[in-house]
């Protein structure tokens, strides 16, 4: 974080880190000062055409790097490429959906910066690595930019700055009342009873006026609600207010990963319980979750959606489920998680995979398109970046991404936080409400904020 602090005045700072090391959170990545920025999907049939063209400007061969640190055998998965987010509403470019919810955040559906250099940390060995890829074949320019980065990193003072606290706790108002939420859950259950869907992910938004610096809040978020897929993405100043805009994420959920051999993995989360106040209560809640037919059914339905999505671009017979219904915990809640894997067909890349799977099944429902239509009818405001993805795309074809849940959005006028959950026929509306409150508690308490009635 000290290094990120020293670079935070550079434009386009992006920090993707494992604030809670785990099986899928080995590497932390820091980039800044992109050589180009894409802030809209391409027109036409392929919204990722411009992203592909931009990424192709980087050298896809072995990355340029200094000597690998002693004791460091592995290189990071990302050595230069695109970093940014895809908003949930980019799904409108991939599927035909109704236009009903209010769009009230002036943020693009897609924002990707092209970065030719990166600073990476290996959480397993503690080693740091600086490297990059030449832009348009200019290795001399890359060498100069890497030297500049090494100077900046070398000048870092290792005493962490004091984290400023707000004079008053931030108060997040509910934009959906409890009564409205319960009615929405009932509407989903009615749709299930009619045979329209099997489940839908229903969400609600909290918001608070905010014109300040989001970076200190992220420092508190990453320590107060540590997550496998924490991330900070600078979006530049608001053209209206001039205030800083950024994504501050403490996501526990990966979306899609693609390795250098075209192997794909995704880890959907479905099924949630709060953490217990004592070890005994925590274990009892975990046993209840693992034994819950409702929660297991939620997870299985979404796994089926993802298996189908991956099957659209993966080799026949390669889509498998190697890890099923395991328990994973965050500071505030515990989840059921399943792993689905596959292998891309020849000629398919990470953007084809996104076209086949975005938005993720775990934050839409089953069947996915009908669930998304129902979401548009029931949620009063657009989700924006929430439930989209924070992702990196390497010039060598690799990709890593997370689902943007447990994510604060500083849009230049306010902070917003969405929370939600999967609704099935067996859902109890009051219990579903309580689950959203528990999910909000983690990120809100970490920044000293509270949830209040509108």
Foldseek 3Di string as FASTA:
>chain_A
DLLCVLCVVAAWWKWKAQLPDDDPGFKIKIFGNFPDKDFAFDPDLARCPVLLVQQLQWDQPDWFWDPFDPPDDDDDQFAWGKFFWAAQVVCCSLDPADAFAAADFPGGRTMIGTTFKMWMAGNVPRDIIITGTDGNPCVVVRVVVSVVSVVSSVPGDPDDDDQDADPDFFEWAWPADLVLLLVLLVVQLVCVVVVLFFKWWAKTKTKTWDQADCVSLLVLQCVLWPESTWMKTWPAADPVQRGTWIKTFRFNFWAWWAGLQQKIKGKFWFFKDWADPDPVVRVVRVVCRLPDPVRLVLQVQLLVQVLVLVVVFFDPPFWDWPAFQDWDDIPTMITTITMIMGGGDPPDAPSNSCSSAPLHCNNTHPVRRSSNNSNSVSYNHGPTRQSIWGKGAHSSRIIIIGGRARMWIDRNTMIMHMFIHMRGNPDDSVVRVVVRLSSPCRSSVSSSHYYDYD
